[in-house]
Amino acid sequence: MSQPKPPPPPPVPVEEVLDPISADLRGLLEAADFKSMTIGQIETHLKSRGYALLVLFLAAPFPIPNIPGLSTPFGIAIMMIGFAFLTRRRPLLPDFILKKEVEYPTLLRVIPFVARFMERLERYMKPRYKMLVGGPINKSFIGLAITSGGLFLALPLPIPLTNGPPALSIIFLVVGMLCRDGLVVVLGYILGIFSWVYLWLWVKFGYFLWPWFQEFWEYIKSWF
């Protein structure tokens, strides 16, 4: 009498495959067609990813030097979308934000920069520690952190190197949320906390730090 065949092994779960965010961002240049775009037009183009990708685009110019005129409106927009994530409602941006134009030369500087950054980041990203990303409570925490970063970026601070950390915090939070990577979300939280600590240090000790920073900055410029 033949022995019964053993049951087949359980199927190996297939790893989630996510469309690259960098490709969505590069598509903005094609949509622009060498013309300026309003925030409303950019929102419409990126709607397949929801408002999270719009936040990523709005945060992208801040680490890039010499892109004036975007700090306050972009910071306000990020803050409002983050608050909508926090309260789990659909973001509603005012007309003065939606009608704000981004010139094509600015798009040409920002989009390739952030797309290259995303391409490098996407090599190491994968769905992991999803207990830090999934669920309404985590989305509210991420929304709170994005709101905090947007408020920071909207402030007209005459303090050097203040835009980079909160902008990168927002980028990591959004990318971690989109790609369901809890490790990247934690990095976003850490950068957000560092941003406010850095601001507190300048408020507390700026009188002593400013001369040192000026000397350090002159030393850096002497390299070029």
N, C-alpha and C. Protein backbone atom coordinates (compact mmCIF):
# COMPACT_ATOMS: atom_id res chain seq x y z
N MET A 1 0.86 -1.19 0.00
CA MET A 1 0.00 0.00 0.00
C MET A 1 0.90 1.25 0.00
N SER A 2 0.68 2.13 -0.93
CA SER A 2 1.54 3.31 -1.06
C SER A 2 1.27 4.31 0.06
N GLN A 3 2.35 4.98 0.46
CA GLN A 3 2.24 5.98 1.51
C GLN A 3 1.58 7.25 0.96
N PRO A 4 0.73 7.91 1.74
CA PRO A 4 0.13 9.17 1.25
C PRO A 4 1.19 10.24 1.06
N LYS A 5 1.01 11.04 0.03
CA LYS A 5 1.98 12.11 -0.25
C LYS A 5 1.90 13.19 0.82
N PRO A 6 3.05 13.72 1.22
CA PRO A 6 3.02 14.81 2.21
C PRO A 6 2.38 16.05 1.62
N PRO A 7 1.74 16.85 2.45
CA PRO A 7 1.10 18.07 1.92
C PRO A 7 2.15 19.01 1.35
N PRO A 8 1.80 19.76 0.32
CA PRO A 8 2.77 20.69 -0.27
C PRO A 8 3.15 21.77 0.73
N PRO A 9 4.36 22.29 0.63
CA PRO A 9 4.77 23.36 1.55
C PRO A 9 3.94 24.61 1.32
N PRO A 10 3.75 25.40 2.38
CA PRO A 10 2.97 26.64 2.21
C PRO A 10 3.67 27.58 1.25
N PRO A 11 2.90 28.34 0.49
CA PRO A 11 3.52 29.26 -0.48
C PRO A 11 4.36 30.32 0.21
N VAL A 12 5.46 30.65 -0.42
CA VAL A 12 6.32 31.71 0.11
C VAL A 12 5.68 33.06 -0.19
N PRO A 13 5.50 33.89 0.85
CA PRO A 13 4.87 35.18 0.60
C PRO A 13 5.68 36.01 -0.37
N VAL A 14 4.99 36.64 -1.29
CA VAL A 14 5.65 37.48 -2.29
C VAL A 14 5.91 38.85 -1.69
N GLU A 15 7.14 39.33 -1.82
CA GLU A 15 7.49 40.65 -1.30
C GLU A 15 6.77 41.72 -2.11
N GLU A 16 6.30 42.74 -1.39
CA GLU A 16 5.56 43.81 -2.05
C GLU A 16 6.48 44.54 -3.02
N VAL A 17 5.95 44.81 -4.20
CA VAL A 17 6.70 45.56 -5.20
C VAL A 17 5.98 46.90 -5.39
N LEU A 18 6.68 47.98 -5.14
CA LEU A 18 6.10 49.31 -5.18
C LEU A 18 6.69 50.09 -6.35
N ASP A 19 5.83 50.84 -7.03
CA ASP A 19 6.31 51.68 -8.12
C ASP A 19 7.28 52.72 -7.56
N PRO A 20 8.37 52.99 -8.26
CA PRO A 20 9.34 53.95 -7.73
C PRO A 20 8.76 55.36 -7.67
N ILE A 21 8.98 56.00 -6.54
CA ILE A 21 8.51 57.37 -6.36
C ILE A 21 9.26 58.30 -7.30
N SER A 22 10.54 58.01 -7.56
CA SER A 22 11.34 58.86 -8.43
C SER A 22 10.73 58.99 -9.81
N ALA A 23 10.10 57.92 -10.31
CA ALA A 23 9.49 57.97 -11.65
C ALA A 23 8.30 58.93 -11.65
N ASP A 24 7.50 58.93 -10.58
CA ASP A 24 6.38 59.87 -10.49
C ASP A 24 6.86 61.31 -10.49
N LEU A 25 7.96 61.54 -9.77
CA LEU A 25 8.48 62.91 -9.71
C LEU A 25 9.04 63.36 -11.06
N ARG A 26 9.76 62.47 -11.75
CA ARG A 26 10.30 62.85 -13.06
C ARG A 26 9.18 63.14 -14.05
N GLY A 27 8.05 62.49 -13.88
CA GLY A 27 6.93 62.76 -14.78
C GLY A 27 6.41 64.18 -14.70
N LEU A 28 6.73 64.88 -13.60
CA LEU A 28 6.31 66.27 -13.48
C LEU A 28 6.96 67.15 -14.55
N LEU A 29 8.21 66.88 -14.88
CA LEU A 29 8.88 67.69 -15.90
C LEU A 29 8.20 67.54 -17.25
N GLU A 30 7.78 66.32 -17.58
CA GLU A 30 7.05 66.12 -18.84
C GLU A 30 5.72 66.84 -18.79
N ALA A 31 5.04 66.79 -17.64
CA ALA A 31 3.76 67.48 -17.52
C ALA A 31 3.92 68.99 -17.60
N ALA A 32 5.05 69.51 -17.11
CA ALA A 32 5.28 70.95 -17.15
C ALA A 32 5.46 71.46 -18.57
N ASP A 33 6.11 70.66 -19.43
CA ASP A 33 6.30 71.03 -20.83
C ASP A 33 6.98 72.41 -20.96
N PHE A 34 8.06 72.60 -20.18
CA PHE A 34 8.89 73.82 -20.22
C PHE A 34 8.14 75.06 -19.73
N LYS A 35 7.06 74.87 -18.98
CA LYS A 35 6.28 75.99 -18.46
C LYS A 35 6.21 75.89 -16.94
N SER A 36 5.85 77.02 -16.32
CA SER A 36 5.65 76.99 -14.88
C SER A 36 4.39 76.20 -14.54
N MET A 37 4.32 75.70 -13.31
CA MET A 37 3.15 74.94 -12.85
C MET A 37 2.70 75.51 -11.52
N THR A 38 1.39 75.54 -11.32
CA THR A 38 0.86 75.93 -10.03
C THR A 38 0.85 74.72 -9.10
N ILE A 39 0.73 74.99 -7.80
CA ILE A 39 0.65 73.90 -6.83
C ILE A 39 -0.59 73.05 -7.12
N GLY A 40 -1.67 73.69 -7.57
CA GLY A 40 -2.87 72.94 -7.92
C GLY A 40 -2.63 71.97 -9.07
N GLN A 41 -1.88 72.41 -10.09
CA GLN A 41 -1.56 71.52 -11.21
C GLN A 41 -0.65 70.37 -10.76
N ILE A 42 0.31 70.68 -9.90
CA ILE A 42 1.19 69.63 -9.39
C ILE A 42 0.40 68.64 -8.56
N GLU A 43 -0.52 69.15 -7.74
CA GLU A 43 -1.38 68.27 -6.94
C GLU A 43 -2.18 67.33 -7.84
N THR A 44 -2.73 67.84 -8.93
CA THR A 44 -3.51 67.02 -9.85
C THR A 44 -2.65 65.94 -10.48
N HIS A 45 -1.41 66.30 -10.86
CA HIS A 45 -0.54 65.33 -11.51
C HIS A 45 -0.12 64.21 -10.56
N LEU A 46 0.06 64.54 -9.28
CA LEU A 46 0.55 63.56 -8.31
C LEU A 46 -0.57 62.86 -7.55
N LYS A 47 -1.82 63.04 -7.99
CA LYS A 47 -2.94 62.54 -7.19
C LYS A 47 -2.99 61.02 -7.10
N SER A 48 -2.28 60.30 -8.00
CA SER A 48 -2.29 58.84 -7.93
C SER A 48 -1.66 58.35 -6.63
N ARG A 49 -0.77 59.11 -6.06
CA ARG A 49 -0.14 58.76 -4.78
C ARG A 49 -0.80 59.49 -3.62
N GLY A 50 -1.80 60.28 -3.87
CA GLY A 50 -2.41 61.04 -2.81
C GLY A 50 -1.59 62.27 -2.44
N TYR A 51 -1.94 62.87 -1.32
CA TYR A 51 -1.28 64.11 -0.92
C TYR A 51 0.11 63.87 -0.34
N ALA A 52 0.44 62.63 -0.02
CA ALA A 52 1.76 62.36 0.56
C ALA A 52 2.87 62.74 -0.41
N LEU A 53 2.70 62.42 -1.68
CA LEU A 53 3.74 62.74 -2.66
C LEU A 53 3.82 64.24 -2.90
N LEU A 54 2.70 64.94 -2.78
CA LEU A 54 2.73 66.40 -2.88
C LEU A 54 3.56 66.99 -1.74
N VAL A 55 3.41 66.44 -0.53
CA VAL A 55 4.23 66.89 0.59
C VAL A 55 5.70 66.67 0.31
N LEU A 56 6.02 65.51 -0.28
CA LEU A 56 7.42 65.22 -0.63
C LEU A 56 7.95 66.26 -1.59
N PHE A 57 7.19 66.61 -2.60
CA PHE A 57 7.63 67.62 -3.56
C PHE A 57 7.80 68.98 -2.89
N LEU A 58 6.86 69.35 -2.00
CA LEU A 58 6.93 70.66 -1.35
C LEU A 58 8.13 70.76 -0.41
N ALA A 59 8.53 69.64 0.19
CA ALA A 59 9.68 69.67 1.10
C ALA A 59 11.01 69.62 0.36
N ALA A 60 10.99 69.15 -0.89
CA ALA A 60 12.24 68.92 -1.63
C ALA A 60 13.08 70.17 -1.85
N PRO A 61 12.51 71.37 -2.11
CA PRO A 61 13.39 72.52 -2.39
C PRO A 61 14.18 73.02 -1.19
N PHE A 62 13.75 72.70 0.03
CA PHE A 62 14.35 73.35 1.19
C PHE A 62 15.82 73.00 1.41
N PRO A 63 16.27 71.77 1.17
CA PRO A 63 17.71 71.52 1.33
C PRO A 63 18.57 72.11 0.22
N ILE A 64 17.93 72.64 -0.85
CA ILE A 64 18.69 73.18 -1.99
C ILE A 64 18.87 74.68 -1.78
N PRO A 65 20.10 75.19 -1.81
CA PRO A 65 20.31 76.63 -1.59
C PRO A 65 19.85 77.45 -2.79
N ASN A 66 19.57 78.73 -2.50
CA ASN A 66 19.28 79.72 -3.54
C ASN A 66 18.01 79.41 -4.33
N ILE A 67 16.96 78.98 -3.63
CA ILE A 67 15.64 78.87 -4.24
C ILE A 67 14.70 79.72 -3.39
N PRO A 68 14.62 81.04 -3.68
CA PRO A 68 13.88 81.95 -2.81
C PRO A 68 12.38 81.94 -3.09
N GLY A 69 11.62 82.50 -2.14
CA GLY A 69 10.20 82.75 -2.34
C GLY A 69 9.28 81.58 -2.11
N LEU A 70 9.80 80.43 -1.69
CA LEU A 70 8.95 79.25 -1.53
C LEU A 70 8.78 78.85 -0.08
N SER A 71 9.61 79.36 0.80
CA SER A 71 9.66 78.85 2.16
C SER A 71 8.31 78.96 2.88
N THR A 72 7.77 80.16 2.96
CA THR A 72 6.55 80.33 3.75
C THR A 72 5.34 79.64 3.12
N PRO A 73 5.02 79.85 1.81
CA PRO A 73 3.84 79.17 1.26
C PRO A 73 3.97 77.65 1.26
N PHE A 74 5.16 77.14 0.95
CA PHE A 74 5.35 75.69 0.95
C PHE A 74 5.25 75.15 2.37
N GLY A 75 5.83 75.86 3.33
CA GLY A 75 5.75 75.42 4.72
C GLY A 75 4.32 75.38 5.22
N ILE A 76 3.52 76.41 4.85
CA ILE A 76 2.11 76.43 5.25
C ILE A 76 1.36 75.27 4.63
N ALA A 77 1.61 75.01 3.34
CA ALA A 77 0.94 73.90 2.67
C ALA A 77 1.28 72.56 3.33
N ILE A 78 2.56 72.35 3.64
CA ILE A 78 2.97 71.12 4.31
C ILE A 78 2.28 70.99 5.66
N MET A 79 2.23 72.10 6.38
CA MET A 79 1.61 72.08 7.70
C MET A 79 0.13 71.73 7.61
N MET A 80 -0.57 72.26 6.63
CA MET A 80 -2.00 72.00 6.49
C MET A 80 -2.27 70.55 6.08
N ILE A 81 -1.45 70.03 5.18
CA ILE A 81 -1.63 68.63 4.76
C ILE A 81 -1.28 67.70 5.92
N GLY A 82 -0.22 68.02 6.65
CA GLY A 82 0.13 67.21 7.82
C GLY A 82 -0.98 67.21 8.85
N PHE A 83 -1.62 68.36 9.07
CA PHE A 83 -2.73 68.43 10.02
C PHE A 83 -3.91 67.59 9.54
N ALA A 84 -4.12 67.55 8.23
CA ALA A 84 -5.19 66.70 7.69
C ALA A 84 -4.88 65.22 7.93
N PHE A 85 -3.59 64.83 7.77
CA PHE A 85 -3.20 63.46 8.12
C PHE A 85 -3.45 63.19 9.60
N LEU A 86 -3.12 64.16 10.43
CA LEU A 86 -3.28 64.01 11.88
C LEU A 86 -4.75 63.77 12.24
N THR A 87 -5.64 64.55 11.64
CA THR A 87 -7.07 64.44 11.95
C THR A 87 -7.79 63.45 11.04
N ARG A 88 -7.02 62.84 10.11
CA ARG A 88 -7.55 61.83 9.18
C ARG A 88 -8.71 62.39 8.35
N ARG A 89 -8.46 63.57 7.80
CA ARG A 89 -9.42 64.21 6.90
C ARG A 89 -8.73 64.55 5.59
N ARG A 90 -9.55 64.86 4.59
CA ARG A 90 -8.99 65.22 3.29
C ARG A 90 -8.42 66.64 3.36
N PRO A 91 -7.17 66.84 2.92
CA PRO A 91 -6.59 68.18 2.97
C PRO A 91 -7.33 69.14 2.05
N LEU A 92 -7.51 70.35 2.51
CA LEU A 92 -8.12 71.42 1.71
C LEU A 92 -7.17 72.61 1.74
N LEU A 93 -6.47 72.82 0.64
CA LEU A 93 -5.52 73.93 0.56
C LEU A 93 -6.22 75.18 0.07
N PRO A 94 -5.90 76.35 0.63
CA PRO A 94 -6.53 77.60 0.18
C PRO A 94 -6.06 77.98 -1.23
N ASP A 95 -6.82 78.86 -1.85
CA ASP A 95 -6.53 79.26 -3.23
C ASP A 95 -5.16 79.91 -3.37
N PHE A 96 -4.74 80.69 -2.37
CA PHE A 96 -3.45 81.38 -2.51
C PHE A 96 -2.29 80.39 -2.53
N ILE A 97 -2.50 79.20 -1.98
CA ILE A 97 -1.49 78.15 -2.07
C ILE A 97 -1.61 77.43 -3.40
N LEU A 98 -2.83 77.05 -3.78
CA LEU A 98 -3.03 76.29 -5.02
C LEU A 98 -2.63 77.10 -6.26
N LYS A 99 -2.75 78.43 -6.18
CA LYS A 99 -2.41 79.27 -7.33
C LYS A 99 -0.95 79.72 -7.34
N LYS A 100 -0.20 79.34 -6.32
CA LYS A 100 1.22 79.70 -6.27
C LYS A 100 1.96 78.99 -7.40
N GLU A 101 2.66 79.76 -8.23
CA GLU A 101 3.36 79.18 -9.38
C GLU A 101 4.79 78.83 -9.03
N VAL A 102 5.23 77.70 -9.57
CA VAL A 102 6.62 77.29 -9.47
C VAL A 102 7.22 77.39 -10.87
N GLU A 103 8.20 78.25 -11.04
CA GLU A 103 8.78 78.49 -12.35
C GLU A 103 9.48 77.22 -12.86
N TYR A 104 9.52 77.10 -14.20
CA TYR A 104 10.13 75.90 -14.78
C TYR A 104 11.60 75.74 -14.41
N PRO A 105 12.41 76.82 -14.37
CA PRO A 105 13.81 76.63 -13.93
C PRO A 105 13.90 76.06 -12.51
N THR A 106 12.95 76.44 -11.64
CA THR A 106 12.93 75.88 -10.30
C THR A 106 12.59 74.39 -10.34
N LEU A 107 11.59 74.03 -11.15
CA LEU A 107 11.25 72.61 -11.32
C LEU A 107 12.45 71.84 -11.85
N LEU A 108 13.18 72.47 -12.77
CA LEU A 108 14.32 71.80 -13.38
C LEU A 108 15.45 71.58 -12.38
N ARG A 109 15.53 72.40 -11.36
CA ARG A 109 16.54 72.21 -10.32
C ARG A 109 16.07 71.21 -9.26
N VAL A 110 14.80 71.33 -8.88
CA VAL A 110 14.30 70.56 -7.74
C VAL A 110 14.05 69.10 -8.11
N ILE A 111 13.35 68.87 -9.22
CA ILE A 111 12.88 67.51 -9.52
C ILE A 111 14.03 66.54 -9.77
N PRO A 112 15.02 66.85 -10.63
CA PRO A 112 16.13 65.90 -10.80
C PRO A 112 16.89 65.66 -9.50
N PHE A 113 17.05 66.72 -8.69
CA PHE A 113 17.77 66.56 -7.42
C PHE A 113 17.07 65.55 -6.52
N VAL A 114 15.77 65.75 -6.30
CA VAL A 114 15.05 64.87 -5.38
C VAL A 114 14.83 63.49 -6.00
N ALA A 115 14.70 63.41 -7.33
CA ALA A 115 14.54 62.11 -7.98
C ALA A 115 15.81 61.27 -7.83
N ARG A 116 16.98 61.90 -7.99
CA ARG A 116 18.24 61.17 -7.78
C ARG A 116 18.37 60.71 -6.33
N PHE A 117 17.99 61.59 -5.41
CA PHE A 117 18.03 61.23 -4.00
C PHE A 117 17.11 60.04 -3.72
N MET A 118 15.91 60.07 -4.32
CA MET A 118 14.96 58.98 -4.11
C MET A 118 15.46 57.68 -4.74
N GLU A 119 16.10 57.77 -5.89
CA GLU A 119 16.61 56.56 -6.54
C GLU A 119 17.64 55.87 -5.64
N ARG A 120 18.49 56.65 -4.98
CA ARG A 120 19.47 56.06 -4.07
C ARG A 120 18.77 55.48 -2.84
N LEU A 121 17.79 56.20 -2.35
CA LEU A 121 17.08 55.75 -1.15
C LEU A 121 16.27 54.49 -1.42
N GLU A 122 15.67 54.43 -2.59
CA GLU A 122 14.80 53.29 -2.93
C GLU A 122 15.57 51.97 -3.02
N ARG A 123 16.88 52.03 -3.23
CA ARG A 123 17.67 50.79 -3.28
C ARG A 123 17.65 50.05 -1.95
N TYR A 124 17.51 50.80 -0.87
CA TYR A 124 17.60 50.20 0.47
C TYR A 124 16.23 50.09 1.14
N MET A 125 15.20 50.57 0.51
CA MET A 125 13.89 50.59 1.15
C MET A 125 13.10 49.32 0.83
N LYS A 126 12.33 48.88 1.81
CA LYS A 126 11.45 47.73 1.62
C LYS A 126 10.42 47.77 2.75
N PRO A 127 9.30 47.14 2.56
CA PRO A 127 8.32 47.09 3.65
C PRO A 127 8.89 46.34 4.87
N ARG A 128 9.00 47.01 5.99
CA ARG A 128 9.52 46.41 7.22
C ARG A 128 9.03 47.24 8.42
N TYR A 129 9.01 46.58 9.58
CA TYR A 129 8.52 47.23 10.80
C TYR A 129 7.19 47.95 10.54
N LYS A 130 6.29 47.25 9.86
CA LYS A 130 5.05 47.90 9.44
C LYS A 130 4.13 48.26 10.60
N MET A 131 4.45 47.74 11.79
CA MET A 131 3.68 48.15 12.97
C MET A 131 3.88 49.62 13.31
N LEU A 132 4.96 50.23 12.74
CA LEU A 132 5.23 51.65 12.95
C LEU A 132 4.62 52.53 11.86
N VAL A 133 4.00 51.90 10.87
CA VAL A 133 3.48 52.65 9.72
C VAL A 133 1.97 52.47 9.57
N GLY A 134 1.50 51.22 9.70
CA GLY A 134 0.11 50.93 9.43
C GLY A 134 -0.83 51.39 10.53
N GLY A 135 -2.09 51.57 10.16
CA GLY A 135 -3.12 51.91 11.13
C GLY A 135 -3.34 53.40 11.28
N PRO A 136 -4.53 53.79 11.73
CA PRO A 136 -4.85 55.23 11.86
C PRO A 136 -4.02 55.96 12.90
N ILE A 137 -3.65 55.27 13.98
CA ILE A 137 -2.88 55.95 15.03
C ILE A 137 -1.50 56.34 14.50
N ASN A 138 -0.84 55.42 13.80
CA ASN A 138 0.47 55.75 13.23
C ASN A 138 0.36 56.87 12.21
N LYS A 139 -0.71 56.84 11.40
CA LYS A 139 -0.89 57.92 10.42
C LYS A 139 -1.04 59.26 11.12
N SER A 140 -1.73 59.27 12.26
CA SER A 140 -1.89 60.52 13.01
C SER A 140 -0.56 60.99 13.57
N PHE A 141 0.26 60.06 14.08
CA PHE A 141 1.58 60.44 14.58
C PHE A 141 2.45 61.02 13.46
N ILE A 142 2.42 60.36 12.29
CA ILE A 142 3.18 60.87 11.15
C ILE A 142 2.66 62.24 10.75
N GLY A 143 1.34 62.41 10.75
CA GLY A 143 0.75 63.70 10.43
C GLY A 143 1.19 64.79 11.40
N LEU A 144 1.26 64.44 12.69
CA LEU A 144 1.71 65.41 13.68
C LEU A 144 3.15 65.83 13.42
N ALA A 145 4.00 64.84 13.09
CA ALA A 145 5.41 65.16 12.80
C ALA A 145 5.55 66.00 11.54
N ILE A 146 4.73 65.72 10.51
CA ILE A 146 4.77 66.53 9.28
C ILE A 146 4.28 67.95 9.57
N THR A 147 3.22 68.08 10.39
CA THR A 147 2.73 69.41 10.77
C THR A 147 3.81 70.20 11.48
N SER A 148 4.52 69.54 12.40
CA SER A 148 5.59 70.20 13.13
C SER A 148 6.70 70.66 12.17
N GLY A 149 7.07 69.79 11.22
CA GLY A 149 8.09 70.17 10.25
C GLY A 149 7.64 71.30 9.35
N GLY A 150 6.37 71.28 8.92
CA GLY A 150 5.85 72.37 8.09
C GLY A 150 5.85 73.70 8.82
N LEU A 151 5.48 73.67 10.10
CA LEU A 151 5.53 74.90 10.90
C LEU A 151 6.95 75.43 10.98
N PHE A 152 7.91 74.54 11.20
CA PHE A 152 9.32 74.94 11.27
C PHE A 152 9.74 75.61 9.97
N LEU A 153 9.39 75.00 8.83
CA LEU A 153 9.82 75.54 7.54
C LEU A 153 9.12 76.85 7.21
N ALA A 154 7.90 77.06 7.73
CA ALA A 154 7.17 78.28 7.43
C ALA A 154 7.70 79.48 8.22
N LEU A 155 8.45 79.23 9.30
CA LEU A 155 8.97 80.32 10.10
C LEU A 155 10.11 81.03 9.37
N PRO A 156 10.08 82.36 9.29
CA PRO A 156 11.18 83.10 8.63
C PRO A 156 12.37 83.24 9.58
N LEU A 157 13.13 82.17 9.73
CA LEU A 157 14.21 82.15 10.71
C LEU A 157 15.52 82.65 10.08
N PRO A 158 16.17 83.63 10.67
CA PRO A 158 17.48 84.09 10.16
C PRO A 158 18.62 83.27 10.73
N ILE A 159 18.43 81.98 10.82
CA ILE A 159 19.42 81.09 11.43
C ILE A 159 19.95 80.16 10.35
N PRO A 160 21.25 79.98 10.25
CA PRO A 160 21.81 79.15 9.18
C PRO A 160 21.49 77.67 9.38
N LEU A 161 21.35 76.98 8.24
CA LEU A 161 21.21 75.52 8.20
C LEU A 161 19.98 75.02 8.95
N THR A 162 18.90 75.81 8.96
CA THR A 162 17.69 75.36 9.65
C THR A 162 16.71 74.63 8.74
N ASN A 163 16.82 74.81 7.43
CA ASN A 163 15.84 74.20 6.53
C ASN A 163 16.10 72.73 6.26
N GLY A 164 17.36 72.33 6.23
CA GLY A 164 17.69 70.97 5.83
C GLY A 164 17.11 69.89 6.72
N PRO A 165 17.36 69.90 8.05
CA PRO A 165 16.87 68.81 8.89
C PRO A 165 15.35 68.63 8.89
N PRO A 166 14.53 69.71 9.04
CA PRO A 166 13.08 69.47 9.01
C PRO A 166 12.59 69.01 7.65
N ALA A 167 13.20 69.51 6.57
CA ALA A 167 12.78 69.07 5.23
C ALA A 167 13.10 67.59 5.03
N LEU A 168 14.30 67.17 5.44
CA LEU A 168 14.64 65.75 5.33
C LEU A 168 13.77 64.90 6.24
N SER A 169 13.41 65.43 7.40
CA SER A 169 12.49 64.71 8.29
C SER A 169 11.17 64.44 7.59
N ILE A 170 10.62 65.46 6.94
CA ILE A 170 9.34 65.30 6.22
C ILE A 170 9.50 64.31 5.08
N ILE A 171 10.60 64.41 4.34
CA ILE A 171 10.82 63.50 3.22
C ILE A 171 10.88 62.05 3.70
N PHE A 172 11.63 61.80 4.77
CA PHE A 172 11.73 60.43 5.30
C PHE A 172 10.37 59.93 5.81
N LEU A 173 9.62 60.80 6.48
CA LEU A 173 8.31 60.39 6.99
C LEU A 173 7.38 60.01 5.84
N VAL A 174 7.36 60.83 4.79
CA VAL A 174 6.46 60.56 3.67
C VAL A 174 6.88 59.31 2.92
N VAL A 175 8.19 59.19 2.65
CA VAL A 175 8.67 58.02 1.90
C VAL A 175 8.45 56.75 2.71
N GLY A 176 8.73 56.82 4.02
CA GLY A 176 8.48 55.65 4.86
C GLY A 176 7.02 55.26 4.88
N MET A 177 6.13 56.25 4.89
CA MET A 177 4.70 55.96 4.88
C MET A 177 4.28 55.36 3.55
N LEU A 178 4.77 55.94 2.43
CA LEU A 178 4.38 55.43 1.11
C LEU A 178 4.91 54.02 0.86
N CYS A 179 6.13 53.76 1.29
CA CYS A 179 6.77 52.46 1.05
C CYS A 179 6.61 51.51 2.22
N ARG A 180 5.89 51.93 3.25
CA ARG A 180 5.62 51.09 4.42
C ARG A 180 6.90 50.59 5.07
N ASP A 181 7.85 51.52 5.18
CA ASP A 181 9.15 51.21 5.79
C ASP A 181 9.23 51.92 7.13
N GLY A 182 9.00 51.18 8.22
CA GLY A 182 8.99 51.78 9.55
C GLY A 182 10.32 52.33 9.97
N LEU A 183 11.43 51.73 9.50
CA LEU A 183 12.76 52.22 9.86
C LEU A 183 12.97 53.63 9.35
N VAL A 184 12.54 53.90 8.11
CA VAL A 184 12.70 55.24 7.54
C VAL A 184 11.81 56.24 8.27
N VAL A 185 10.63 55.81 8.71
CA VAL A 185 9.75 56.69 9.48
C VAL A 185 10.43 57.09 10.79
N VAL A 186 11.08 56.14 11.46
CA VAL A 186 11.79 56.45 12.70
C VAL A 186 12.90 57.47 12.45
N LEU A 187 13.62 57.33 11.34
CA LEU A 187 14.65 58.32 10.99
C LEU A 187 14.02 59.71 10.81
N GLY A 188 12.82 59.74 10.23
CA GLY A 188 12.12 61.02 10.09
C GLY A 188 11.77 61.64 11.43
N TYR A 189 11.31 60.81 12.37
CA TYR A 189 11.02 61.33 13.71
C TYR A 189 12.29 61.91 14.36
N ILE A 190 13.40 61.18 14.24
CA ILE A 190 14.65 61.63 14.87
C ILE A 190 15.11 62.97 14.29
N LEU A 191 15.03 63.10 12.96
CA LEU A 191 15.44 64.37 12.34
C LEU A 191 14.52 65.51 12.75
N GLY A 192 13.23 65.22 12.91
CA GLY A 192 12.29 66.25 13.34
C GLY A 192 12.61 66.75 14.74
N ILE A 193 12.92 65.83 15.65
CA ILE A 193 13.30 66.23 17.02
C ILE A 193 14.61 67.01 17.00
N PHE A 194 15.57 66.55 16.19
CA PHE A 194 16.85 67.25 16.09
C PHE A 194 16.66 68.69 15.61
N SER A 195 15.70 68.92 14.68
CA SER A 195 15.47 70.26 14.14
C SER A 195 15.09 71.23 15.25
N TRP A 196 14.18 70.82 16.12
CA TRP A 196 13.75 71.72 17.20
C TRP A 196 14.83 71.88 18.26
N VAL A 197 15.60 70.83 18.51
CA VAL A 197 16.72 70.96 19.46
C VAL A 197 17.75 71.94 18.91
N TYR A 198 18.03 71.85 17.59
CA TYR A 198 18.98 72.76 16.95
C TYR A 198 18.49 74.20 17.08
N LEU A 199 17.19 74.43 16.86
CA LEU A 199 16.63 75.78 17.00
C LEU A 199 16.74 76.26 18.44
N TRP A 200 16.45 75.39 19.40
CA TRP A 200 16.54 75.77 20.81
C TRP A 200 17.97 76.17 21.17
N LEU A 201 18.95 75.44 20.64
CA LEU A 201 20.35 75.76 20.92
C LEU A 201 20.70 77.15 20.40
N TRP A 202 20.19 77.51 19.22
CA TRP A 202 20.47 78.83 18.67
C TRP A 202 19.78 79.92 19.49
N VAL A 203 18.54 79.65 19.93
CA VAL A 203 17.84 80.63 20.75
C VAL A 203 18.54 80.82 22.08
N LYS A 204 19.04 79.71 22.63
CA LYS A 204 19.66 79.76 23.96
C LYS A 204 21.08 80.29 23.91
N PHE A 205 21.84 79.86 22.92
CA PHE A 205 23.27 80.17 22.89
C PHE A 205 23.70 80.88 21.61
N GLY A 206 22.75 81.43 20.85
CA GLY A 206 23.07 82.05 19.57
C GLY A 206 24.07 83.18 19.68
N TYR A 207 24.00 83.94 20.77
CA TYR A 207 24.92 85.07 20.94
C TYR A 207 26.37 84.59 20.94
N PHE A 208 26.60 83.39 21.50
CA PHE A 208 27.95 82.84 21.56
C PHE A 208 28.29 82.04 20.30
N LEU A 209 27.25 81.43 19.67
CA LEU A 209 27.49 80.56 18.53
C LEU A 209 27.74 81.33 17.24
N TRP A 210 27.13 82.52 17.11
CA TRP A 210 27.18 83.22 15.83
C TRP A 210 28.61 83.58 15.40
N PRO A 211 29.46 84.16 16.26
CA PRO A 211 30.84 84.44 15.83
C PRO A 211 31.60 83.18 15.43
N TRP A 212 31.38 82.09 16.18
CA TRP A 212 32.05 80.83 15.82
C TRP A 212 31.57 80.32 14.47
N PHE A 213 30.26 80.45 14.23
CA PHE A 213 29.73 79.97 12.96
C PHE A 213 30.26 80.80 11.80
N GLN A 214 30.36 82.13 11.98
CA GLN A 214 30.89 82.97 10.91
C GLN A 214 32.31 82.56 10.55
N GLU A 215 33.14 82.29 11.53
CA GLU A 215 34.52 81.85 11.25
C GLU A 215 34.52 80.50 10.54
N PHE A 216 33.66 79.60 10.99
CA PHE A 216 33.58 78.27 10.37
C PHE A 216 33.13 78.39 8.93
N TRP A 217 32.13 79.27 8.67
CA TRP A 217 31.61 79.42 7.31
C TRP A 217 32.64 80.03 6.39
N GLU A 218 33.40 81.00 6.87
CA GLU A 218 34.47 81.59 6.06
C GLU A 218 35.54 80.55 5.74
N TYR A 219 35.80 79.67 6.68
CA TYR A 219 36.77 78.60 6.45
C TYR A 219 36.28 77.63 5.38
N ILE A 220 35.00 77.30 5.43
CA ILE A 220 34.42 76.40 4.41
C ILE A 220 34.48 77.05 3.03
N LYS A 221 34.14 78.36 2.96
CA LYS A 221 34.16 79.04 1.65
C LYS A 221 35.56 79.13 1.08
N SER A 222 36.59 79.13 1.95
CA SER A 222 37.97 79.22 1.45
C SER A 222 38.39 77.98 0.69
N TRP A 223 37.62 76.89 0.82
CA TRP A 223 37.94 75.66 0.07
C TRP A 223 37.59 75.77 -1.40
N PHE A 224 36.73 76.73 -1.75
CA PHE A 224 36.19 76.79 -3.12
C PHE A 224 36.71 78.02 -3.84
